[in-house]
Amino acid sequence: MQEFSKVNNKKRITSYEHLNKKYDLNFSDYNFGFDWEVFKDFVGDSYARYFTTNSFFKFVSAGRGTNKTWNHLAEKLFFACNFTDASSNILRRYANTHEDTTFGDKINVCNYLYDKYGIDIGPDNENGIVWPKNVKEGGEIVFPSGVRIAFAGYANGNKIMGKVGKGSGIISAWTDEMIHAEEKEILTDKELDKRYNNLRVSMFRSKSLKISYEK
């Protein structure tokens, strides 16, 4: 695989300034040490390209052990640490399933960041980042800048429709385990494409929502 810095020279994102120009974001006064180089080292070159693709929707089809969940959670943390208008929504079908999945993995990601890079942004941090005690009914991680990472369920649309960043723009909404296969369900390529397309046209739409679409 080619080095990230040598790929797509005209469109690649290599610095805070380039990232800010792409998303028109405002920098935080302090990023807790979670800078671009740390983020790129954490997710790797392939995911660095994936996360900075200039498109609206993005789907990830990957098996277990591919770090897709950790990398997506790290992306939300990176934006929250570095920008004052980069809130995120993390969605699962039911809010009460976050506890043992995305929320638990978010804690694991923070523990890894602390152990490897000395970045203190987990539940017991001393940097003023407020974590919810649990997310059985949803919840938010609130950063000193006002940026929030919200955990919600989409089964009850009334709880997420019109959701705002509370003083901060929402840069991304990520749905974990978007497609659940029924028992013994086997989809043809055509059926799978149809399901993806149905999801694509029914997702969040906003001028400020920076979600990309890639199959």
N, C-alpha and C. Protein backbone atom coordinates (compact mmCIF):
# COMPACT_ATOMS: atom_id res chain seq x y z
N MET A 1 0.83 -1.20 0.00
CA MET A 1 0.00 0.00 0.00
C MET A 1 0.87 1.25 0.00
N GLN A 2 0.49 2.22 -0.81
CA GLN A 2 1.25 3.45 -0.86
C GLN A 2 1.07 4.25 0.43
N GLU A 3 2.07 5.06 0.73
CA GLU A 3 1.96 5.91 1.91
C GLU A 3 0.84 6.92 1.71
N PHE A 4 0.14 7.22 2.82
CA PHE A 4 -0.98 8.17 2.75
C PHE A 4 -0.55 9.51 2.17
N SER A 5 0.65 9.95 2.53
CA SER A 5 1.12 11.27 2.11
C SER A 5 1.41 11.34 0.62
N LYS A 6 1.50 10.17 -0.06
CA LYS A 6 1.83 10.15 -1.48
C LYS A 6 0.60 9.90 -2.36
N VAL A 7 -0.55 9.73 -1.72
CA VAL A 7 -1.76 9.39 -2.46
C VAL A 7 -2.63 10.62 -2.65
N ASN A 8 -3.15 10.80 -3.85
CA ASN A 8 -4.13 11.84 -4.12
C ASN A 8 -3.63 13.20 -3.64
N ASN A 9 -2.51 13.64 -4.16
CA ASN A 9 -1.85 14.85 -3.68
C ASN A 9 -2.73 16.08 -3.72
N LYS A 10 -3.65 16.15 -4.68
CA LYS A 10 -4.47 17.35 -4.80
C LYS A 10 -5.58 17.40 -3.76
N LYS A 11 -6.04 16.25 -3.28
CA LYS A 11 -7.19 16.22 -2.38
C LYS A 11 -6.87 15.72 -0.98
N ARG A 12 -5.67 15.22 -0.77
CA ARG A 12 -5.36 14.63 0.53
C ARG A 12 -5.36 15.69 1.63
N ILE A 13 -5.64 15.26 2.83
CA ILE A 13 -5.66 16.14 3.99
C ILE A 13 -4.44 15.80 4.84
N THR A 14 -3.58 16.77 5.04
CA THR A 14 -2.31 16.50 5.71
C THR A 14 -2.10 17.35 6.95
N SER A 15 -3.02 18.24 7.27
CA SER A 15 -2.79 19.14 8.40
C SER A 15 -4.10 19.66 8.93
N TYR A 16 -4.04 20.32 10.11
CA TYR A 16 -5.23 20.96 10.66
C TYR A 16 -5.80 21.98 9.69
N GLU A 17 -4.90 22.75 9.06
CA GLU A 17 -5.34 23.82 8.17
C GLU A 17 -6.13 23.25 6.99
N HIS A 18 -5.63 22.15 6.43
CA HIS A 18 -6.31 21.52 5.31
C HIS A 18 -7.66 20.96 5.74
N LEU A 19 -7.68 20.32 6.92
CA LEU A 19 -8.92 19.77 7.46
C LEU A 19 -9.92 20.88 7.72
N ASN A 20 -9.44 21.99 8.29
CA ASN A 20 -10.31 23.12 8.59
C ASN A 20 -10.88 23.73 7.31
N LYS A 21 -10.06 23.78 6.26
CA LYS A 21 -10.51 24.34 4.99
C LYS A 21 -11.60 23.47 4.38
N LYS A 22 -11.45 22.16 4.53
CA LYS A 22 -12.44 21.25 3.96
C LYS A 22 -13.78 21.40 4.66
N TYR A 23 -13.76 21.42 5.99
CA TYR A 23 -15.00 21.41 6.75
C TYR A 23 -15.44 22.77 7.25
N ASP A 24 -14.59 23.81 7.08
CA ASP A 24 -14.90 25.15 7.56
C ASP A 24 -15.20 25.12 9.05
N LEU A 25 -14.29 24.53 9.81
CA LEU A 25 -14.46 24.37 11.25
C LEU A 25 -13.65 25.42 12.01
N ASN A 26 -13.95 25.53 13.29
CA ASN A 26 -13.21 26.42 14.17
C ASN A 26 -12.38 25.58 15.14
N PHE A 27 -11.13 25.93 15.31
CA PHE A 27 -10.23 25.16 16.16
C PHE A 27 -10.55 25.31 17.64
N SER A 28 -10.35 24.23 18.39
CA SER A 28 -10.42 24.31 19.84
C SER A 28 -9.13 24.94 20.37
N ASP A 29 -9.21 25.52 21.56
CA ASP A 29 -8.02 26.11 22.17
C ASP A 29 -7.03 25.03 22.57
N TYR A 30 -7.54 23.82 22.89
CA TYR A 30 -6.66 22.76 23.37
C TYR A 30 -7.24 21.42 22.93
N ASN A 31 -6.43 20.57 22.34
CA ASN A 31 -6.94 19.29 21.81
C ASN A 31 -6.54 18.09 22.65
N PHE A 32 -6.03 18.32 23.86
CA PHE A 32 -5.68 17.24 24.79
C PHE A 32 -4.57 16.33 24.26
N GLY A 33 -3.87 16.77 23.22
CA GLY A 33 -2.81 15.97 22.63
C GLY A 33 -3.26 15.06 21.50
N PHE A 34 -4.57 15.05 21.22
CA PHE A 34 -5.09 14.17 20.16
C PHE A 34 -5.03 14.92 18.83
N ASP A 35 -3.83 15.05 18.29
CA ASP A 35 -3.64 15.82 17.06
C ASP A 35 -3.76 14.92 15.83
N TRP A 36 -3.57 15.53 14.67
CA TRP A 36 -3.73 14.82 13.40
C TRP A 36 -2.78 13.65 13.27
N GLU A 37 -1.54 13.81 13.67
CA GLU A 37 -0.56 12.73 13.54
C GLU A 37 -0.93 11.54 14.41
N VAL A 38 -1.41 11.81 15.62
CA VAL A 38 -1.85 10.71 16.49
C VAL A 38 -3.04 10.00 15.86
N PHE A 39 -4.00 10.77 15.37
CA PHE A 39 -5.19 10.18 14.76
C PHE A 39 -4.82 9.31 13.57
N LYS A 40 -3.94 9.83 12.71
CA LYS A 40 -3.53 9.07 11.52
C LYS A 40 -2.79 7.80 11.91
N ASP A 41 -1.97 7.89 12.95
CA ASP A 41 -1.25 6.71 13.43
C ASP A 41 -2.22 5.68 14.01
N PHE A 42 -3.25 6.15 14.68
CA PHE A 42 -4.23 5.26 15.31
C PHE A 42 -5.05 4.50 14.27
N VAL A 43 -5.60 5.21 13.28
CA VAL A 43 -6.51 4.56 12.33
C VAL A 43 -5.79 3.92 11.15
N GLY A 44 -4.57 4.35 10.85
CA GLY A 44 -3.83 3.82 9.72
C GLY A 44 -4.13 4.56 8.43
N ASP A 45 -3.29 4.34 7.42
CA ASP A 45 -3.40 5.08 6.17
C ASP A 45 -4.71 4.84 5.43
N SER A 46 -5.17 3.58 5.39
CA SER A 46 -6.39 3.27 4.64
C SER A 46 -7.59 4.00 5.22
N TYR A 47 -7.73 3.95 6.54
CA TYR A 47 -8.86 4.64 7.16
C TYR A 47 -8.68 6.15 7.14
N ALA A 48 -7.45 6.62 7.15
CA ALA A 48 -7.23 8.07 7.03
C ALA A 48 -7.77 8.57 5.70
N ARG A 49 -7.53 7.81 4.63
CA ARG A 49 -8.09 8.17 3.33
C ARG A 49 -9.61 8.05 3.35
N TYR A 50 -10.08 6.99 3.96
CA TYR A 50 -11.54 6.75 4.04
C TYR A 50 -12.25 7.90 4.75
N PHE A 51 -11.73 8.32 5.88
CA PHE A 51 -12.39 9.36 6.66
C PHE A 51 -12.33 10.73 6.00
N THR A 52 -11.38 10.94 5.10
CA THR A 52 -11.25 12.25 4.48
C THR A 52 -11.72 12.25 3.02
N THR A 53 -12.46 11.23 2.63
CA THR A 53 -13.04 11.20 1.30
C THR A 53 -14.08 12.29 1.17
N ASN A 54 -14.03 13.03 0.09
CA ASN A 54 -14.95 14.15 -0.12
C ASN A 54 -16.25 13.66 -0.74
N SER A 55 -17.12 13.07 0.08
CA SER A 55 -18.41 12.58 -0.38
C SER A 55 -19.40 12.64 0.78
N PHE A 56 -20.68 12.43 0.50
CA PHE A 56 -21.71 12.71 1.50
C PHE A 56 -22.04 11.51 2.37
N PHE A 57 -22.24 10.33 1.77
CA PHE A 57 -22.55 9.13 2.54
C PHE A 57 -21.37 8.17 2.50
N LYS A 58 -21.30 7.32 3.50
CA LYS A 58 -20.24 6.32 3.52
C LYS A 58 -20.74 5.07 4.24
N PHE A 59 -20.56 3.92 3.61
CA PHE A 59 -20.90 2.65 4.23
C PHE A 59 -19.63 1.82 4.39
N VAL A 60 -19.55 1.09 5.49
CA VAL A 60 -18.42 0.21 5.72
C VAL A 60 -18.93 -1.21 5.86
N SER A 61 -18.51 -2.07 4.97
CA SER A 61 -18.82 -3.49 5.07
C SER A 61 -17.54 -4.20 5.46
N ALA A 62 -17.45 -4.57 6.71
CA ALA A 62 -16.21 -5.18 7.20
C ALA A 62 -16.53 -6.18 8.29
N GLY A 63 -15.71 -7.20 8.39
CA GLY A 63 -15.93 -8.23 9.38
C GLY A 63 -15.34 -7.88 10.73
N ARG A 64 -15.49 -8.79 11.66
CA ARG A 64 -14.94 -8.59 13.00
C ARG A 64 -13.42 -8.55 12.94
N GLY A 65 -12.84 -7.77 13.84
CA GLY A 65 -11.39 -7.69 13.91
C GLY A 65 -10.77 -6.74 12.92
N THR A 66 -11.59 -5.92 12.24
CA THR A 66 -11.06 -4.98 11.26
C THR A 66 -10.93 -3.57 11.82
N ASN A 67 -11.25 -3.40 13.09
CA ASN A 67 -11.12 -2.10 13.78
C ASN A 67 -12.08 -1.03 13.26
N LYS A 68 -13.12 -1.43 12.55
CA LYS A 68 -14.03 -0.42 12.00
C LYS A 68 -14.72 0.37 13.10
N THR A 69 -15.13 -0.30 14.18
CA THR A 69 -15.83 0.41 15.26
C THR A 69 -14.87 1.32 16.00
N TRP A 70 -13.72 0.82 16.38
CA TRP A 70 -12.74 1.64 17.10
C TRP A 70 -12.34 2.86 16.27
N ASN A 71 -12.12 2.66 14.98
CA ASN A 71 -11.68 3.77 14.14
C ASN A 71 -12.76 4.83 13.98
N HIS A 72 -14.01 4.41 13.85
CA HIS A 72 -15.09 5.38 13.76
C HIS A 72 -15.25 6.15 15.08
N LEU A 73 -15.11 5.46 16.18
CA LEU A 73 -15.21 6.13 17.47
C LEU A 73 -14.04 7.09 17.67
N ALA A 74 -12.86 6.69 17.23
CA ALA A 74 -11.70 7.58 17.33
C ALA A 74 -11.89 8.82 16.48
N GLU A 75 -12.52 8.66 15.32
CA GLU A 75 -12.78 9.83 14.46
C GLU A 75 -13.66 10.85 15.18
N LYS A 76 -14.71 10.38 15.84
CA LYS A 76 -15.60 11.29 16.57
C LYS A 76 -14.83 12.00 17.69
N LEU A 77 -13.98 11.28 18.38
CA LEU A 77 -13.18 11.88 19.45
C LEU A 77 -12.20 12.90 18.89
N PHE A 78 -11.58 12.57 17.76
CA PHE A 78 -10.62 13.49 17.14
C PHE A 78 -11.28 14.82 16.80
N PHE A 79 -12.43 14.77 16.15
CA PHE A 79 -13.13 16.01 15.80
C PHE A 79 -13.55 16.77 17.05
N ALA A 80 -14.05 16.06 18.05
CA ALA A 80 -14.50 16.73 19.27
C ALA A 80 -13.35 17.41 20.00
N CYS A 81 -12.17 16.81 19.94
CA CYS A 81 -11.01 17.39 20.62
C CYS A 81 -10.45 18.60 19.88
N ASN A 82 -10.56 18.60 18.58
CA ASN A 82 -9.85 19.60 17.78
C ASN A 82 -10.69 20.78 17.31
N PHE A 83 -12.02 20.64 17.32
CA PHE A 83 -12.85 21.70 16.77
C PHE A 83 -14.03 22.02 17.69
N THR A 84 -14.47 23.26 17.66
CA THR A 84 -15.54 23.70 18.56
C THR A 84 -16.92 23.55 17.93
N ASP A 85 -16.99 23.11 16.70
CA ASP A 85 -18.28 22.96 16.02
C ASP A 85 -18.35 21.62 15.32
N ALA A 86 -18.02 20.56 16.05
CA ALA A 86 -17.91 19.24 15.43
C ALA A 86 -18.55 18.15 16.29
N SER A 87 -19.80 18.37 16.69
CA SER A 87 -20.52 17.36 17.45
C SER A 87 -20.89 16.18 16.55
N SER A 88 -21.15 15.03 17.17
CA SER A 88 -21.47 13.81 16.42
C SER A 88 -22.61 13.06 17.08
N ASN A 89 -23.34 12.33 16.27
CA ASN A 89 -24.35 11.40 16.76
C ASN A 89 -23.91 9.98 16.44
N ILE A 90 -23.97 9.10 17.44
CA ILE A 90 -23.68 7.69 17.25
C ILE A 90 -24.99 6.94 17.47
N LEU A 91 -25.44 6.24 16.45
CA LEU A 91 -26.76 5.63 16.47
C LEU A 91 -26.70 4.12 16.40
N ARG A 92 -27.58 3.48 17.14
CA ARG A 92 -27.90 2.07 16.98
C ARG A 92 -29.42 1.97 16.95
N ARG A 93 -29.92 0.83 16.59
CA ARG A 93 -31.38 0.71 16.48
C ARG A 93 -32.05 1.04 17.82
N TYR A 94 -31.52 0.48 18.91
CA TYR A 94 -32.07 0.74 20.24
C TYR A 94 -31.01 1.39 21.11
N ALA A 95 -31.38 2.45 21.79
CA ALA A 95 -30.42 3.20 22.61
C ALA A 95 -29.80 2.33 23.69
N ASN A 96 -30.59 1.39 24.25
CA ASN A 96 -30.08 0.60 25.37
C ASN A 96 -29.05 -0.45 24.96
N THR A 97 -28.74 -0.54 23.67
CA THR A 97 -27.70 -1.48 23.23
C THR A 97 -26.33 -0.83 23.12
N HIS A 98 -26.25 0.48 23.34
CA HIS A 98 -24.95 1.16 23.29
C HIS A 98 -24.03 0.73 24.43
N GLU A 99 -24.62 0.45 25.58
CA GLU A 99 -23.84 0.22 26.80
C GLU A 99 -22.73 -0.81 26.59
N ASP A 100 -23.09 -1.93 25.98
CA ASP A 100 -22.13 -3.03 25.82
C ASP A 100 -21.50 -3.07 24.43
N THR A 101 -21.73 -2.02 23.64
CA THR A 101 -21.17 -2.00 22.28
C THR A 101 -20.38 -0.71 22.07
N THR A 102 -21.01 0.28 21.46
CA THR A 102 -20.29 1.50 21.09
C THR A 102 -19.79 2.28 22.29
N PHE A 103 -20.59 2.36 23.35
CA PHE A 103 -20.16 3.11 24.53
C PHE A 103 -19.00 2.40 25.22
N GLY A 104 -19.12 1.07 25.35
CA GLY A 104 -18.03 0.31 25.94
C GLY A 104 -16.76 0.41 25.11
N ASP A 105 -16.92 0.36 23.79
CA ASP A 105 -15.75 0.48 22.92
C ASP A 105 -15.17 1.89 22.95
N LYS A 106 -16.02 2.90 23.14
CA LYS A 106 -15.51 4.27 23.26
C LYS A 106 -14.57 4.38 24.45
N ILE A 107 -14.95 3.74 25.56
CA ILE A 107 -14.09 3.72 26.74
C ILE A 107 -12.79 2.98 26.45
N ASN A 108 -12.90 1.85 25.74
CA ASN A 108 -11.70 1.09 25.38
C ASN A 108 -10.75 1.90 24.50
N VAL A 109 -11.32 2.64 23.55
CA VAL A 109 -10.50 3.51 22.69
C VAL A 109 -9.78 4.55 23.53
N CYS A 110 -10.49 5.15 24.47
CA CYS A 110 -9.88 6.18 25.32
C CYS A 110 -8.78 5.59 26.20
N ASN A 111 -9.01 4.38 26.69
CA ASN A 111 -7.97 3.72 27.49
C ASN A 111 -6.73 3.45 26.65
N TYR A 112 -6.93 3.04 25.40
CA TYR A 112 -5.81 2.80 24.49
C TYR A 112 -5.06 4.10 24.20
N LEU A 113 -5.80 5.17 23.95
CA LEU A 113 -5.18 6.47 23.68
C LEU A 113 -4.36 6.93 24.88
N TYR A 114 -4.86 6.64 26.06
CA TYR A 114 -4.13 7.04 27.27
C TYR A 114 -2.86 6.21 27.44
N ASP A 115 -3.00 4.90 27.25
CA ASP A 115 -1.85 4.00 27.45
C ASP A 115 -0.75 4.24 26.41
N LYS A 116 -1.13 4.47 25.15
CA LYS A 116 -0.13 4.59 24.09
C LYS A 116 0.36 6.02 23.89
N TYR A 117 -0.56 6.99 24.01
CA TYR A 117 -0.20 8.37 23.67
C TYR A 117 -0.28 9.34 24.86
N GLY A 118 -0.75 8.85 26.01
CA GLY A 118 -0.88 9.73 27.17
C GLY A 118 -2.01 10.73 27.05
N ILE A 119 -3.02 10.43 26.23
CA ILE A 119 -4.15 11.33 26.01
C ILE A 119 -5.26 11.01 27.02
N ASP A 120 -5.58 11.96 27.87
CA ASP A 120 -6.51 11.73 28.99
C ASP A 120 -7.88 12.32 28.66
N ILE A 121 -8.72 11.52 28.00
CA ILE A 121 -10.06 12.00 27.64
C ILE A 121 -11.15 10.99 28.00
N GLY A 122 -10.80 9.96 28.78
CA GLY A 122 -11.76 8.93 29.16
C GLY A 122 -12.68 9.37 30.29
N PRO A 123 -13.50 8.44 30.80
CA PRO A 123 -14.48 8.78 31.85
C PRO A 123 -13.87 9.37 33.11
N ASP A 124 -12.65 8.99 33.45
CA ASP A 124 -12.01 9.50 34.67
C ASP A 124 -11.00 10.60 34.38
N ASN A 125 -11.19 11.30 33.28
CA ASN A 125 -10.23 12.32 32.86
C ASN A 125 -10.20 13.50 33.83
N GLU A 126 -9.12 14.25 33.76
CA GLU A 126 -8.96 15.46 34.57
C GLU A 126 -8.96 16.70 33.69
N ASN A 127 -9.63 16.62 32.56
CA ASN A 127 -9.64 17.72 31.60
C ASN A 127 -11.00 18.36 31.41
N GLY A 128 -11.94 18.05 32.29
CA GLY A 128 -13.24 18.70 32.22
C GLY A 128 -14.19 18.11 31.20
N ILE A 129 -13.90 16.93 30.68
CA ILE A 129 -14.80 16.25 29.75
C ILE A 129 -15.78 15.42 30.56
N VAL A 130 -17.06 15.68 30.39
CA VAL A 130 -18.09 15.03 31.21
C VAL A 130 -18.70 13.84 30.45
N TRP A 131 -18.59 12.67 31.07
CA TRP A 131 -19.15 11.45 30.50
C TRP A 131 -20.45 11.09 31.21
N PRO A 132 -21.41 10.48 30.50
CA PRO A 132 -22.62 9.99 31.17
C PRO A 132 -22.29 8.77 32.01
N LYS A 133 -23.06 8.57 33.09
CA LYS A 133 -22.82 7.40 33.93
C LYS A 133 -23.19 6.12 33.20
N ASN A 134 -24.21 6.18 32.37
CA ASN A 134 -24.58 5.06 31.52
C ASN A 134 -25.36 5.61 30.33
N VAL A 135 -25.59 4.78 29.34
CA VAL A 135 -26.32 5.22 28.15
C VAL A 135 -27.49 4.28 27.87
N LYS A 136 -28.11 3.79 28.95
CA LYS A 136 -29.24 2.87 28.77
C LYS A 136 -30.40 3.52 28.04
N GLU A 137 -30.52 4.83 28.19
CA GLU A 137 -31.55 5.58 27.47
C GLU A 137 -30.92 6.65 26.59
N GLY A 138 -29.70 6.40 26.16
CA GLY A 138 -28.95 7.40 25.41
C GLY A 138 -28.16 8.28 26.36
N GLY A 139 -27.34 9.13 25.82
CA GLY A 139 -26.53 10.02 26.64
C GLY A 139 -25.51 10.74 25.79
N GLU A 140 -24.75 11.65 26.42
CA GLU A 140 -23.80 12.47 25.69
C GLU A 140 -22.49 12.61 26.44
N ILE A 141 -21.39 12.63 25.70
CA ILE A 141 -20.10 13.05 26.22
C ILE A 141 -19.97 14.52 25.88
N VAL A 142 -19.72 15.35 26.88
CA VAL A 142 -19.69 16.80 26.67
C VAL A 142 -18.28 17.32 26.91
N PHE A 143 -17.72 17.98 25.91
CA PHE A 143 -16.38 18.55 25.99
C PHE A 143 -16.45 19.99 26.47
N PRO A 144 -15.36 20.50 27.05
CA PRO A 144 -15.35 21.88 27.55
C PRO A 144 -15.76 22.92 26.51
N SER A 145 -15.51 22.62 25.23
CA SER A 145 -15.86 23.56 24.16
C SER A 145 -17.35 23.59 23.86
N GLY A 146 -18.10 22.63 24.43
CA GLY A 146 -19.52 22.52 24.13
C GLY A 146 -19.82 21.45 23.11
N VAL A 147 -18.79 20.90 22.47
CA VAL A 147 -18.98 19.81 21.52
C VAL A 147 -19.50 18.58 22.26
N ARG A 148 -20.40 17.87 21.63
CA ARG A 148 -21.01 16.69 22.25
C ARG A 148 -20.93 15.49 21.32
N ILE A 149 -20.71 14.33 21.91
CA ILE A 149 -20.84 13.07 21.19
C ILE A 149 -22.04 12.36 21.80
N ALA A 150 -23.12 12.25 21.02
CA ALA A 150 -24.38 11.72 21.54
C ALA A 150 -24.59 10.28 21.12
N PHE A 151 -25.11 9.47 22.05
CA PHE A 151 -25.48 8.08 21.79
C PHE A 151 -27.00 8.02 21.78
N ALA A 152 -27.58 7.52 20.69
CA ALA A 152 -29.03 7.51 20.58
C ALA A 152 -29.50 6.28 19.82
N GLY A 153 -30.80 6.01 19.91
CA GLY A 153 -31.41 4.92 19.16
C GLY A 153 -32.31 5.49 18.08
N TYR A 154 -32.35 4.84 16.93
CA TYR A 154 -33.19 5.35 15.86
C TYR A 154 -34.53 4.63 15.75
N ALA A 155 -34.80 3.66 16.65
CA ALA A 155 -36.10 2.99 16.64
C ALA A 155 -37.22 3.98 16.94
N ASN A 156 -36.93 4.93 17.83
CA ASN A 156 -37.89 6.00 18.14
C ASN A 156 -37.41 7.27 17.45
N GLY A 157 -37.93 7.52 16.26
CA GLY A 157 -37.48 8.66 15.48
C GLY A 157 -37.72 9.99 16.15
N ASN A 158 -38.72 10.06 17.03
CA ASN A 158 -39.03 11.33 17.69
C ASN A 158 -37.88 11.84 18.54
N LYS A 159 -37.02 10.93 19.00
CA LYS A 159 -35.92 11.33 19.89
C LYS A 159 -34.71 11.86 19.13
N ILE A 160 -34.65 11.60 17.83
CA ILE A 160 -33.48 12.07 17.09
C ILE A 160 -33.83 13.07 16.01
N MET A 161 -35.10 13.17 15.62
CA MET A 161 -35.47 14.14 14.61
C MET A 161 -35.22 15.55 15.12
N GLY A 162 -34.55 16.35 14.33
CA GLY A 162 -34.29 17.73 14.72
C GLY A 162 -33.23 17.87 15.79
N LYS A 163 -32.47 16.80 16.05
CA LYS A 163 -31.44 16.86 17.09
C LYS A 163 -30.34 17.83 16.67
N VAL A 164 -29.95 18.71 17.57
CA VAL A 164 -28.93 19.70 17.26
C VAL A 164 -27.74 19.52 18.18
N GLY A 165 -26.66 20.19 17.83
CA GLY A 165 -25.43 20.06 18.60
C GLY A 165 -25.36 20.94 19.83
N LYS A 166 -26.46 21.64 20.16
CA LYS A 166 -26.52 22.50 21.34
C LYS A 166 -25.37 23.50 21.35
N GLY A 167 -25.38 24.36 20.36
CA GLY A 167 -24.34 25.38 20.27
C GLY A 167 -23.18 24.98 19.40
N SER A 168 -23.21 23.75 18.91
CA SER A 168 -22.11 23.24 18.09
C SER A 168 -22.68 22.52 16.89
N GLY A 169 -22.09 22.72 15.72
CA GLY A 169 -22.58 22.05 14.53
C GLY A 169 -22.36 20.55 14.60
N ILE A 170 -23.25 19.79 13.96
CA ILE A 170 -23.10 18.34 13.90
C ILE A 170 -22.33 18.00 12.62
N ILE A 171 -21.16 17.45 12.79
CA ILE A 171 -20.33 17.15 11.63
C ILE A 171 -20.59 15.75 11.09
N SER A 172 -21.07 14.83 11.93
CA SER A 172 -21.28 13.47 11.43
C SER A 172 -22.32 12.74 12.25
N ALA A 173 -22.99 11.81 11.60
CA ALA A 173 -23.90 10.89 12.26
C ALA A 173 -23.53 9.49 11.77
N TRP A 174 -23.19 8.63 12.69
CA TRP A 174 -22.74 7.29 12.33
C TRP A 174 -23.71 6.26 12.90
N THR A 175 -24.16 5.34 12.07
CA THR A 175 -25.05 4.27 12.51
C THR A 175 -24.27 2.97 12.55
N ASP A 176 -24.17 2.40 13.76
CA ASP A 176 -23.46 1.14 13.95
C ASP A 176 -24.42 -0.02 13.70
N GLU A 177 -23.93 -1.06 13.03
CA GLU A 177 -24.75 -2.22 12.71
C GLU A 177 -26.03 -1.80 12.00
N MET A 178 -25.87 -1.06 10.92
CA MET A 178 -27.03 -0.51 10.21
C MET A 178 -27.91 -1.61 9.62
N ILE A 179 -27.30 -2.63 9.08
CA ILE A 179 -28.06 -3.71 8.46
C ILE A 179 -27.94 -4.97 9.31
N HIS A 180 -29.08 -5.48 9.74
CA HIS A 180 -29.10 -6.72 10.50
C HIS A 180 -29.67 -7.82 9.62
N ALA A 181 -28.88 -8.81 9.32
CA ALA A 181 -29.37 -9.92 8.50
C ALA A 181 -30.30 -10.80 9.32
N GLU A 182 -31.41 -11.21 8.72
CA GLU A 182 -32.29 -12.15 9.39
C GLU A 182 -31.63 -13.52 9.40
N GLU A 183 -32.11 -14.39 10.28
CA GLU A 183 -31.54 -15.73 10.38
C GLU A 183 -31.62 -16.44 9.03
N LYS A 184 -30.50 -16.97 8.60
CA LYS A 184 -30.39 -17.70 7.34
C LYS A 184 -30.67 -16.83 6.12
N GLU A 185 -30.65 -15.52 6.30
CA GLU A 185 -30.90 -14.64 5.16
C GLU A 185 -29.68 -14.58 4.25
N ILE A 186 -29.88 -14.80 2.98
CA ILE A 186 -28.81 -14.70 2.00
C ILE A 186 -29.27 -13.74 0.91
N LEU A 187 -28.59 -12.61 0.79
CA LEU A 187 -28.97 -11.61 -0.19
C LEU A 187 -28.11 -11.72 -1.44
N THR A 188 -28.74 -11.57 -2.60
CA THR A 188 -27.98 -11.48 -3.84
C THR A 188 -27.33 -10.09 -3.90
N ASP A 189 -26.39 -9.92 -4.81
CA ASP A 189 -25.76 -8.60 -4.96
C ASP A 189 -26.80 -7.54 -5.29
N LYS A 190 -27.77 -7.89 -6.13
CA LYS A 190 -28.82 -6.94 -6.51
C LYS A 190 -29.66 -6.55 -5.30
N GLU A 191 -30.02 -7.53 -4.48
CA GLU A 191 -30.83 -7.25 -3.29
C GLU A 191 -30.06 -6.41 -2.28
N LEU A 192 -28.76 -6.70 -2.15
CA LEU A 192 -27.94 -5.94 -1.23
C LEU A 192 -27.79 -4.49 -1.70
N ASP A 193 -27.59 -4.31 -3.01
CA ASP A 193 -27.51 -2.95 -3.56
C ASP A 193 -28.80 -2.18 -3.30
N LYS A 194 -29.93 -2.86 -3.48
CA LYS A 194 -31.22 -2.21 -3.25
C LYS A 194 -31.35 -1.78 -1.80
N ARG A 195 -30.91 -2.63 -0.88
CA ARG A 195 -31.01 -2.29 0.54
C ARG A 195 -30.10 -1.11 0.87
N TYR A 196 -28.90 -1.11 0.35
CA TYR A 196 -28.00 0.02 0.56
C TYR A 196 -28.60 1.32 0.01
N ASN A 197 -29.17 1.24 -1.19
CA ASN A 197 -29.74 2.44 -1.79
C ASN A 197 -30.93 2.96 -1.00
N ASN A 198 -31.75 2.05 -0.48
CA ASN A 198 -32.87 2.48 0.35
C ASN A 198 -32.38 3.19 1.60
N LEU A 199 -31.30 2.69 2.18
CA LEU A 199 -30.72 3.33 3.35
C LEU A 199 -30.15 4.69 2.99
N ARG A 200 -29.48 4.74 1.86
CA ARG A 200 -28.82 5.99 1.45
C ARG A 200 -29.82 7.13 1.30
N VAL A 201 -30.95 6.85 0.66
CA VAL A 201 -31.90 7.93 0.39
C VAL A 201 -32.74 8.28 1.61
N SER A 202 -32.66 7.48 2.66
CA SER A 202 -33.48 7.75 3.84
C SER A 202 -32.66 8.29 5.01
N MET A 203 -31.36 8.52 4.79
CA MET A 203 -30.50 8.99 5.88
C MET A 203 -30.64 10.49 6.07
N PHE A 204 -29.98 10.97 7.16
CA PHE A 204 -29.97 12.40 7.46
C PHE A 204 -29.54 13.21 6.24
N ARG A 205 -30.16 14.37 6.06
CA ARG A 205 -29.71 15.27 5.01
C ARG A 205 -29.62 16.67 5.59
N SER A 206 -28.49 17.30 5.40
CA SER A 206 -28.26 18.63 5.94
C SER A 206 -27.10 19.26 5.20
N LYS A 207 -27.15 20.56 5.01
CA LYS A 207 -26.05 21.25 4.34
C LYS A 207 -24.78 21.20 5.17
N SER A 208 -24.93 21.10 6.48
CA SER A 208 -23.75 21.12 7.35
C SER A 208 -23.31 19.74 7.78
N LEU A 209 -24.07 18.71 7.41
CA LEU A 209 -23.74 17.36 7.85
C LEU A 209 -22.72 16.75 6.91
N LYS A 210 -21.53 16.47 7.44
CA LYS A 210 -20.46 15.98 6.59
C LYS A 210 -20.36 14.45 6.68
N ILE A 211 -21.33 13.77 6.08
CA ILE A 211 -21.27 12.31 6.00
C ILE A 211 -20.99 11.94 4.55
N SER A 212 -20.15 10.98 4.33
CA SER A 212 -19.82 10.62 2.96
C SER A 212 -20.36 9.23 2.62
N TYR A 213 -20.48 8.97 1.35
CA TYR A 213 -21.05 7.72 0.86
C TYR A 213 -20.03 6.98 0.02
N GLU A 214 -19.69 5.78 0.46
CA GLU A 214 -18.72 4.96 -0.26
C GLU A 214 -19.09 3.51 -0.06
N LYS A 215 -19.12 2.73 -1.13
CA LYS A 215 -19.40 1.30 -0.98
C LYS A 215 -18.13 0.51 -1.24
